[in-house]
Every structure is written in structure tokens, then in C-alpha cells.
Amino acid sequence: MTIQSPAKIFKKIFTIHDEPKLVAKGFALGSFIGMLPIPGFQMMVSLSVATVLKLNKKAACIAVFNTNLATGAFIFSFNYWLGKQLLGVNPSFVIGNKVDFQFISIILKAGSDVFLALLVGGILTGLVTAALVYYILLKVLFYRLQKIK
């Protein structure tokens, strides 16, 4: 798979017919969940939460997919480092080049310190990413909506 350009991602987002705030919130939710250490389950969690919160599910799924595609193992390594620094733990854990369904079992076998470090780092980077994505996407969607009218 190749990383999609921002133009292709926006093109997918522009095809969604829904209120701009719901689309932006759905995309922000997917971006947040894409940072959490639950690969393989992120799409299910994103769909479930978007359904409960009545956000745009398609935007949430696009965001999870593109977050994982664009960041891959890099963001999990950064999240792990950040979480270790904040929690003050120092377990050794090597993240491979590939993040797949087996990654969650590797995390769980590594111990609770590793999982907590990944989770805390993921929550922090996810919050920052979600806030930025929401703000930028909302501005773009409203600008495009005004341009169409």
C-alpha cells in the first residue's frame, strides 16, 4: 500500500454528504483512535464510538486507515518513548517494522508497563492530532461549502 496524498484524502472526505462538524469530529475521532495501541481493533472501536456519538462513521474509518498508513510503526515507537518518559518506567520493548494483528498480543506479553506506556503516549499524541485535524478539516470543509454556494 502507498501513502495517500492529502489531496486524495480530502477528495474522499469531500464526497461525504453530512454536516461539516460531524465529518470533522468523525475524522478527529478516527485520528485519535488510530494512535492507540490496539491495531486490528481500531476500525471496530472507531465505528462503535462514532455510532454511539452519532458522528460520521465513514470519516472516522478514513481517518483510522490513513493514520495507520501514514504513521505505521513510527508513531507507536514515539508513543512508547513518550509514555515511558511520562510514567517513569523503563521496560525494554522492541517494535518491529510491521504493525499487524499480532502486535496486540506482543504488547500484552510484554507486560502492563509497556501497554501503559503505549497507551499514555497514544492518548497524548492522539489528542493533539485530533484537535489539529478537527480544526483544519472544519476550516477546509466550511471554506469549500461557502465556495460551492
N, C-alpha and C. Protein backbone atom coordinates (compact mmCIF):
# COMPACT_ATOMS: atom_id res chain seq x y z
N MET A 1 0.83 -1.18 0.00
CA MET A 1 0.00 0.00 0.00
C MET A 1 0.88 1.25 0.00
N THR A 2 0.39 2.26 -0.65
CA THR A 2 1.13 3.50 -0.69
C THR A 2 0.41 4.55 0.14
N ILE A 3 1.19 5.47 0.65
CA ILE A 3 0.62 6.56 1.43
C ILE A 3 -0.13 7.49 0.49
N GLN A 4 -1.34 7.83 0.87
CA GLN A 4 -2.16 8.70 0.05
C GLN A 4 -1.81 10.16 0.31
N SER A 5 -1.87 10.94 -0.73
CA SER A 5 -1.60 12.36 -0.59
C SER A 5 -2.76 13.03 0.14
N PRO A 6 -2.49 14.16 0.78
CA PRO A 6 -3.58 14.89 1.43
C PRO A 6 -4.71 15.24 0.45
N ALA A 7 -4.38 15.49 -0.81
CA ALA A 7 -5.41 15.82 -1.80
C ALA A 7 -6.38 14.65 -1.99
N LYS A 8 -5.86 13.42 -2.02
CA LYS A 8 -6.72 12.24 -2.18
C LYS A 8 -7.57 12.02 -0.94
N ILE A 9 -6.99 12.28 0.22
CA ILE A 9 -7.75 12.13 1.47
C ILE A 9 -8.88 13.15 1.50
N PHE A 10 -8.58 14.41 1.15
CA PHE A 10 -9.62 15.44 1.14
C PHE A 10 -10.69 15.12 0.11
N LYS A 11 -10.28 14.54 -1.02
CA LYS A 11 -11.25 14.18 -2.05
C LYS A 11 -12.24 13.16 -1.49
N LYS A 12 -11.75 12.19 -0.73
CA LYS A 12 -12.64 11.21 -0.10
C LYS A 12 -13.56 11.89 0.91
N ILE A 13 -13.00 12.80 1.69
CA ILE A 13 -13.78 13.50 2.69
C ILE A 13 -14.85 14.37 2.03
N PHE A 14 -14.52 15.01 0.90
CA PHE A 14 -15.47 15.89 0.23
C PHE A 14 -16.65 15.11 -0.36
N THR A 15 -16.50 13.81 -0.58
CA THR A 15 -17.60 13.02 -1.13
C THR A 15 -18.63 12.66 -0.05
N ILE A 16 -18.29 12.90 1.20
CA ILE A 16 -19.22 12.59 2.29
C ILE A 16 -20.27 13.69 2.38
N HIS A 17 -21.52 13.28 2.32
CA HIS A 17 -22.61 14.24 2.40
C HIS A 17 -23.17 14.22 3.82
N ASP A 18 -22.66 15.12 4.62
CA ASP A 18 -23.08 15.24 6.01
C ASP A 18 -22.68 16.62 6.50
N GLU A 19 -23.14 16.97 7.68
CA GLU A 19 -22.82 18.25 8.27
C GLU A 19 -21.30 18.34 8.49
N PRO A 20 -20.65 19.45 8.12
CA PRO A 20 -19.19 19.54 8.26
C PRO A 20 -18.67 19.25 9.66
N LYS A 21 -19.39 19.68 10.70
CA LYS A 21 -18.93 19.42 12.06
C LYS A 21 -18.91 17.92 12.38
N LEU A 22 -19.91 17.19 11.89
CA LEU A 22 -19.96 15.75 12.14
C LEU A 22 -18.85 15.02 11.38
N VAL A 23 -18.56 15.49 10.18
CA VAL A 23 -17.47 14.89 9.41
C VAL A 23 -16.13 15.18 10.09
N ALA A 24 -15.91 16.42 10.49
CA ALA A 24 -14.65 16.80 11.14
C ALA A 24 -14.49 16.08 12.47
N LYS A 25 -15.56 15.96 13.24
CA LYS A 25 -15.50 15.24 14.52
C LYS A 25 -15.25 13.75 14.30
N GLY A 26 -15.87 13.17 13.29
CA GLY A 26 -15.64 11.76 12.96
C GLY A 26 -14.19 11.52 12.55
N PHE A 27 -13.65 12.42 11.74
CA PHE A 27 -12.27 12.30 11.30
C PHE A 27 -11.31 12.47 12.48
N ALA A 28 -11.62 13.42 13.36
CA ALA A 28 -10.78 13.63 14.55
C ALA A 28 -10.82 12.40 15.45
N LEU A 29 -12.00 11.81 15.61
CA LEU A 29 -12.13 10.59 16.41
C LEU A 29 -11.29 9.47 15.83
N GLY A 30 -11.37 9.27 14.53
CA GLY A 30 -10.58 8.23 13.87
C GLY A 30 -9.09 8.48 13.99
N SER A 31 -8.69 9.73 13.91
CA SER A 31 -7.27 10.08 14.07
C SER A 31 -6.80 9.77 15.49
N PHE A 32 -7.65 10.07 16.47
CA PHE A 32 -7.31 9.78 17.87
C PHE A 32 -7.18 8.27 18.09
N ILE A 33 -8.17 7.52 17.64
CA ILE A 33 -8.16 6.07 17.84
C ILE A 33 -7.02 5.42 17.06
N GLY A 34 -6.65 5.99 15.93
CA GLY A 34 -5.53 5.46 15.14
C GLY A 34 -4.20 5.54 15.87
N MET A 35 -4.12 6.37 16.89
CA MET A 35 -2.88 6.50 17.68
C MET A 35 -2.81 5.51 18.84
N LEU A 36 -3.91 4.86 19.17
CA LEU A 36 -3.94 3.97 20.33
C LEU A 36 -3.31 2.60 19.99
N PRO A 37 -2.76 1.92 20.99
CA PRO A 37 -2.05 0.66 20.74
C PRO A 37 -2.98 -0.54 20.63
N ILE A 38 -3.96 -0.45 19.74
CA ILE A 38 -4.87 -1.57 19.52
C ILE A 38 -5.03 -1.87 18.03
N PRO A 39 -3.91 -2.06 17.31
CA PRO A 39 -4.03 -2.32 15.88
C PRO A 39 -4.85 -3.57 15.62
N GLY A 40 -5.64 -3.51 14.60
CA GLY A 40 -6.53 -4.61 14.27
C GLY A 40 -7.92 -4.39 14.85
N PHE A 41 -8.00 -3.60 15.91
CA PHE A 41 -9.28 -3.33 16.56
C PHE A 41 -9.68 -1.86 16.42
N GLN A 42 -8.79 -1.06 15.88
CA GLN A 42 -9.04 0.37 15.79
C GLN A 42 -10.28 0.69 14.96
N MET A 43 -10.45 -0.01 13.87
CA MET A 43 -11.60 0.26 12.99
C MET A 43 -12.91 -0.08 13.71
N MET A 44 -12.94 -1.22 14.41
CA MET A 44 -14.15 -1.60 15.15
C MET A 44 -14.46 -0.59 16.26
N VAL A 45 -13.43 -0.19 16.99
CA VAL A 45 -13.62 0.78 18.07
C VAL A 45 -14.09 2.11 17.50
N SER A 46 -13.48 2.53 16.41
CA SER A 46 -13.85 3.79 15.78
C SER A 46 -15.30 3.77 15.30
N LEU A 47 -15.69 2.69 14.65
CA LEU A 47 -17.08 2.57 14.18
C LEU A 47 -18.06 2.57 15.34
N SER A 48 -17.72 1.84 16.40
CA SER A 48 -18.60 1.76 17.56
C SER A 48 -18.78 3.11 18.24
N VAL A 49 -17.66 3.79 18.48
CA VAL A 49 -17.73 5.08 19.16
C VAL A 49 -18.42 6.12 18.28
N ALA A 50 -18.12 6.12 16.98
CA ALA A 50 -18.77 7.06 16.07
C ALA A 50 -20.28 6.82 16.02
N THR A 51 -20.69 5.57 16.08
CA THR A 51 -22.12 5.25 16.08
C THR A 51 -22.78 5.75 17.36
N VAL A 52 -22.14 5.49 18.49
CA VAL A 52 -22.71 5.92 19.78
C VAL A 52 -22.79 7.44 19.86
N LEU A 53 -21.74 8.13 19.40
CA LEU A 53 -21.71 9.59 19.46
C LEU A 53 -22.42 10.27 18.29
N LYS A 54 -22.93 9.45 17.36
CA LYS A 54 -23.65 9.94 16.17
C LYS A 54 -22.76 10.86 15.32
N LEU A 55 -21.52 10.42 15.13
CA LEU A 55 -20.59 11.14 14.26
C LEU A 55 -20.54 10.42 12.92
N ASN A 56 -19.87 11.02 11.98
CA ASN A 56 -19.78 10.41 10.66
C ASN A 56 -18.84 9.21 10.70
N LYS A 57 -19.39 8.02 10.46
CA LYS A 57 -18.63 6.77 10.55
C LYS A 57 -17.62 6.64 9.40
N LYS A 58 -18.01 7.09 8.22
CA LYS A 58 -17.11 6.99 7.07
C LYS A 58 -15.86 7.83 7.29
N ALA A 59 -16.02 9.03 7.81
CA ALA A 59 -14.88 9.91 8.08
C ALA A 59 -13.98 9.29 9.15
N ALA A 60 -14.58 8.68 10.16
CA ALA A 60 -13.80 8.04 11.22
C ALA A 60 -12.97 6.88 10.67
N CYS A 61 -13.56 6.09 9.79
CA CYS A 61 -12.83 4.95 9.19
C CYS A 61 -11.72 5.42 8.26
N ILE A 62 -11.99 6.45 7.48
CA ILE A 62 -10.95 7.01 6.60
C ILE A 62 -9.77 7.49 7.44
N ALA A 63 -10.07 8.13 8.56
CA ALA A 63 -9.01 8.66 9.42
C ALA A 63 -8.19 7.54 10.05
N VAL A 64 -8.84 6.49 10.55
CA VAL A 64 -8.10 5.37 11.15
C VAL A 64 -7.18 4.76 10.10
N PHE A 65 -7.71 4.49 8.93
CA PHE A 65 -6.93 3.87 7.86
C PHE A 65 -5.73 4.73 7.48
N ASN A 66 -5.97 6.02 7.26
CA ASN A 66 -4.88 6.90 6.83
C ASN A 66 -3.89 7.20 7.95
N THR A 67 -4.35 7.24 9.20
CA THR A 67 -3.42 7.43 10.31
C THR A 67 -2.46 6.26 10.40
N ASN A 68 -3.00 5.05 10.30
CA ASN A 68 -2.15 3.86 10.35
C ASN A 68 -1.23 3.76 9.15
N LEU A 69 -1.75 4.09 8.00
CA LEU A 69 -0.96 4.01 6.77
C LEU A 69 0.17 5.02 6.78
N ALA A 70 -0.11 6.22 7.26
CA ALA A 70 0.88 7.29 7.23
C ALA A 70 1.92 7.16 8.35
N THR A 71 1.49 6.68 9.51
CA THR A 71 2.41 6.69 10.65
C THR A 71 3.01 5.33 10.95
N GLY A 72 2.23 4.27 10.80
CA GLY A 72 2.74 2.92 11.00
C GLY A 72 3.45 2.72 12.32
N ALA A 73 4.53 1.97 12.28
CA ALA A 73 5.29 1.66 13.50
C ALA A 73 5.99 2.89 14.08
N PHE A 74 6.22 3.92 13.25
CA PHE A 74 6.90 5.12 13.74
C PHE A 74 6.15 5.74 14.91
N ILE A 75 4.83 5.91 14.77
CA ILE A 75 4.07 6.59 15.81
C ILE A 75 4.01 5.74 17.08
N PHE A 76 3.95 4.43 16.92
CA PHE A 76 3.94 3.57 18.11
C PHE A 76 5.27 3.66 18.84
N SER A 77 6.35 3.78 18.11
CA SER A 77 7.66 3.95 18.75
C SER A 77 7.72 5.28 19.51
N PHE A 78 7.22 6.33 18.88
CA PHE A 78 7.21 7.64 19.54
C PHE A 78 6.29 7.62 20.76
N ASN A 79 5.10 7.03 20.60
CA ASN A 79 4.16 6.94 21.73
C ASN A 79 4.77 6.16 22.89
N TYR A 80 5.48 5.10 22.57
CA TYR A 80 6.12 4.29 23.61
C TYR A 80 7.18 5.12 24.34
N TRP A 81 8.01 5.83 23.58
CA TRP A 81 9.04 6.67 24.18
C TRP A 81 8.39 7.75 25.06
N LEU A 82 7.36 8.42 24.54
CA LEU A 82 6.68 9.48 25.29
C LEU A 82 6.04 8.93 26.57
N GLY A 83 5.36 7.82 26.45
CA GLY A 83 4.73 7.20 27.61
C GLY A 83 5.74 6.78 28.67
N LYS A 84 6.89 6.24 28.23
CA LYS A 84 7.95 5.85 29.17
C LYS A 84 8.46 7.07 29.93
N GLN A 85 8.65 8.16 29.22
CA GLN A 85 9.16 9.38 29.85
C GLN A 85 8.17 9.91 30.88
N LEU A 86 6.91 9.92 30.54
CA LEU A 86 5.89 10.47 31.43
C LEU A 86 5.61 9.57 32.64
N LEU A 87 5.64 8.27 32.43
CA LEU A 87 5.35 7.34 33.51
C LEU A 87 6.58 7.01 34.35
N GLY A 88 7.75 7.28 33.82
CA GLY A 88 8.98 6.99 34.54
C GLY A 88 9.31 5.51 34.61
N VAL A 89 8.83 4.75 33.64
CA VAL A 89 9.15 3.32 33.57
C VAL A 89 10.21 3.10 32.50
N ASN A 90 10.90 2.00 32.59
CA ASN A 90 11.94 1.74 31.60
C ASN A 90 11.97 0.28 31.18
N PRO A 91 10.84 -0.29 30.79
CA PRO A 91 10.89 -1.67 30.29
C PRO A 91 11.47 -1.68 28.89
N SER A 92 12.15 -2.74 28.54
CA SER A 92 12.68 -2.83 27.18
C SER A 92 11.63 -3.47 26.30
N PHE A 93 11.47 -2.90 25.13
CA PHE A 93 10.46 -3.38 24.19
C PHE A 93 10.89 -2.93 22.80
N VAL A 94 10.93 -3.87 21.87
CA VAL A 94 11.34 -3.56 20.50
C VAL A 94 10.12 -3.65 19.61
N ILE A 95 9.85 -2.58 18.91
CA ILE A 95 8.73 -2.55 17.97
C ILE A 95 9.30 -2.86 16.60
N GLY A 96 8.73 -3.86 15.95
CA GLY A 96 9.20 -4.26 14.63
C GLY A 96 8.82 -3.27 13.55
N ASN A 97 9.19 -3.62 12.33
CA ASN A 97 8.89 -2.75 11.19
C ASN A 97 7.43 -2.83 10.77
N LYS A 98 6.75 -3.91 11.17
CA LYS A 98 5.40 -4.14 10.71
C LYS A 98 4.46 -4.19 11.90
N VAL A 99 3.35 -3.47 11.80
CA VAL A 99 2.34 -3.48 12.85
C VAL A 99 1.13 -4.21 12.28
N ASP A 100 0.77 -5.34 12.89
CA ASP A 100 -0.36 -6.12 12.40
C ASP A 100 -1.16 -6.67 13.57
N PHE A 101 -2.03 -7.65 13.29
CA PHE A 101 -2.89 -8.22 14.32
C PHE A 101 -2.11 -8.84 15.46
N GLN A 102 -0.91 -9.35 15.20
CA GLN A 102 -0.11 -9.99 16.24
C GLN A 102 0.51 -8.95 17.18
N PHE A 103 0.52 -7.71 16.78
CA PHE A 103 1.13 -6.66 17.58
C PHE A 103 0.47 -6.54 18.95
N ILE A 104 -0.85 -6.69 19.00
CA ILE A 104 -1.55 -6.56 20.28
C ILE A 104 -1.15 -7.68 21.23
N SER A 105 -0.96 -8.89 20.71
CA SER A 105 -0.52 -9.99 21.59
C SER A 105 0.92 -9.78 22.04
N ILE A 106 1.75 -9.20 21.19
CA ILE A 106 3.13 -8.89 21.57
C ILE A 106 3.13 -7.85 22.70
N ILE A 107 2.27 -6.85 22.58
CA ILE A 107 2.17 -5.81 23.61
C ILE A 107 1.72 -6.43 24.94
N LEU A 108 0.71 -7.27 24.88
CA LEU A 108 0.18 -7.86 26.11
C LEU A 108 1.20 -8.79 26.76
N LYS A 109 1.97 -9.51 25.96
CA LYS A 109 3.00 -10.39 26.50
C LYS A 109 4.17 -9.61 27.09
N ALA A 110 4.37 -8.39 26.60
CA ALA A 110 5.50 -7.57 27.07
C ALA A 110 5.26 -7.04 28.47
N GLY A 111 4.02 -7.00 28.90
CA GLY A 111 3.72 -6.54 30.27
C GLY A 111 2.90 -5.28 30.31
N SER A 112 2.37 -5.02 31.49
CA SER A 112 1.48 -3.87 31.65
C SER A 112 2.22 -2.54 31.53
N ASP A 113 3.51 -2.49 31.91
CA ASP A 113 4.27 -1.24 31.78
C ASP A 113 4.38 -0.81 30.32
N VAL A 114 4.61 -1.78 29.45
CA VAL A 114 4.72 -1.48 28.01
C VAL A 114 3.38 -0.99 27.47
N PHE A 115 2.31 -1.72 27.82
CA PHE A 115 0.99 -1.32 27.33
C PHE A 115 0.61 0.06 27.84
N LEU A 116 0.85 0.33 29.12
CA LEU A 116 0.52 1.64 29.69
C LEU A 116 1.33 2.75 29.05
N ALA A 117 2.61 2.49 28.79
CA ALA A 117 3.45 3.50 28.13
C ALA A 117 2.91 3.80 26.73
N LEU A 118 2.55 2.75 25.98
CA LEU A 118 1.98 2.94 24.65
C LEU A 118 0.63 3.66 24.72
N LEU A 119 -0.16 3.31 25.71
CA LEU A 119 -1.49 3.92 25.85
C LEU A 119 -1.40 5.40 26.22
N VAL A 120 -0.57 5.73 27.21
CA VAL A 120 -0.43 7.13 27.63
C VAL A 120 0.14 7.97 26.48
N GLY A 121 1.18 7.46 25.84
CA GLY A 121 1.74 8.18 24.69
C GLY A 121 0.73 8.33 23.57
N GLY A 122 -0.04 7.26 23.31
CA GLY A 122 -1.05 7.30 22.26
C GLY A 122 -2.17 8.27 22.56
N ILE A 123 -2.57 8.34 23.81
CA ILE A 123 -3.62 9.28 24.19
C ILE A 123 -3.15 10.72 23.99
N LEU A 124 -1.93 11.00 24.40
CA LEU A 124 -1.42 12.38 24.25
C LEU A 124 -1.24 12.77 22.80
N THR A 125 -0.57 11.93 22.02
CA THR A 125 -0.39 12.27 20.60
C THR A 125 -1.74 12.24 19.88
N GLY A 126 -2.63 11.36 20.30
CA GLY A 126 -3.96 11.29 19.69
C GLY A 126 -4.78 12.54 19.95
N LEU A 127 -4.70 13.06 21.17
CA LEU A 127 -5.44 14.29 21.49
C LEU A 127 -4.93 15.48 20.68
N VAL A 128 -3.63 15.60 20.60
CA VAL A 128 -3.04 16.70 19.81
C VAL A 128 -3.42 16.55 18.34
N THR A 129 -3.27 15.35 17.81
CA THR A 129 -3.59 15.10 16.41
C THR A 129 -5.07 15.36 16.14
N ALA A 130 -5.93 14.85 17.00
CA ALA A 130 -7.38 15.03 16.81
C ALA A 130 -7.76 16.51 16.83
N ALA A 131 -7.19 17.27 17.75
CA ALA A 131 -7.51 18.70 17.82
C ALA A 131 -7.06 19.42 16.55
N LEU A 132 -5.85 19.14 16.11
CA LEU A 132 -5.35 19.78 14.89
C LEU A 132 -6.17 19.38 13.67
N VAL A 133 -6.44 18.11 13.53
CA VAL A 133 -7.19 17.61 12.38
C VAL A 133 -8.61 18.19 12.38
N TYR A 134 -9.24 18.24 13.53
CA TYR A 134 -10.59 18.79 13.61
C TYR A 134 -10.61 20.25 13.16
N TYR A 135 -9.70 21.04 13.69
CA TYR A 135 -9.65 22.46 13.37
C TYR A 135 -9.38 22.68 11.88
N ILE A 136 -8.38 22.01 11.35
CA ILE A 136 -8.01 22.18 9.94
C ILE A 136 -9.12 21.69 9.02
N LEU A 137 -9.64 20.49 9.28
CA LEU A 137 -10.66 19.93 8.40
C LEU A 137 -11.95 20.75 8.45
N LEU A 138 -12.33 21.23 9.61
CA LEU A 138 -13.53 22.05 9.72
C LEU A 138 -13.39 23.33 8.91
N LYS A 139 -12.23 23.96 8.99
CA LYS A 139 -11.98 25.18 8.19
C LYS A 139 -12.07 24.87 6.70
N VAL A 140 -11.46 23.77 6.28
CA VAL A 140 -11.47 23.40 4.86
C VAL A 140 -12.88 23.07 4.40
N LEU A 141 -13.63 22.32 5.20
CA LEU A 141 -14.99 21.96 4.81
C LEU A 141 -15.90 23.18 4.74
N PHE A 142 -15.80 24.10 5.69
CA PHE A 142 -16.62 25.32 5.64
C PHE A 142 -16.21 26.20 4.47
N TYR A 143 -14.92 26.29 4.19
CA TYR A 143 -14.45 27.08 3.05
C TYR A 143 -14.99 26.49 1.75
N ARG A 144 -14.94 25.17 1.63
CA ARG A 144 -15.43 24.52 0.42
C ARG A 144 -16.93 24.69 0.30
N LEU A 145 -17.65 24.61 1.41
CA LEU A 145 -19.10 24.78 1.40
C LEU A 145 -19.49 26.19 0.96
N GLN A 146 -18.74 27.20 1.42
CA GLN A 146 -19.01 28.58 1.01
C GLN A 146 -18.68 28.79 -0.45
N LYS A 147 -17.63 28.13 -0.92
CA LYS A 147 -17.22 28.25 -2.31
C LYS A 147 -18.25 27.64 -3.26
N ILE A 148 -18.89 26.55 -2.82
CA ILE A 148 -19.91 25.89 -3.64
C ILE A 148 -21.16 26.75 -3.76
N LYS A 149 -21.52 27.42 -2.67
CA LYS A 149 -22.75 28.25 -2.67
C LYS A 149 -22.54 29.49 -3.43
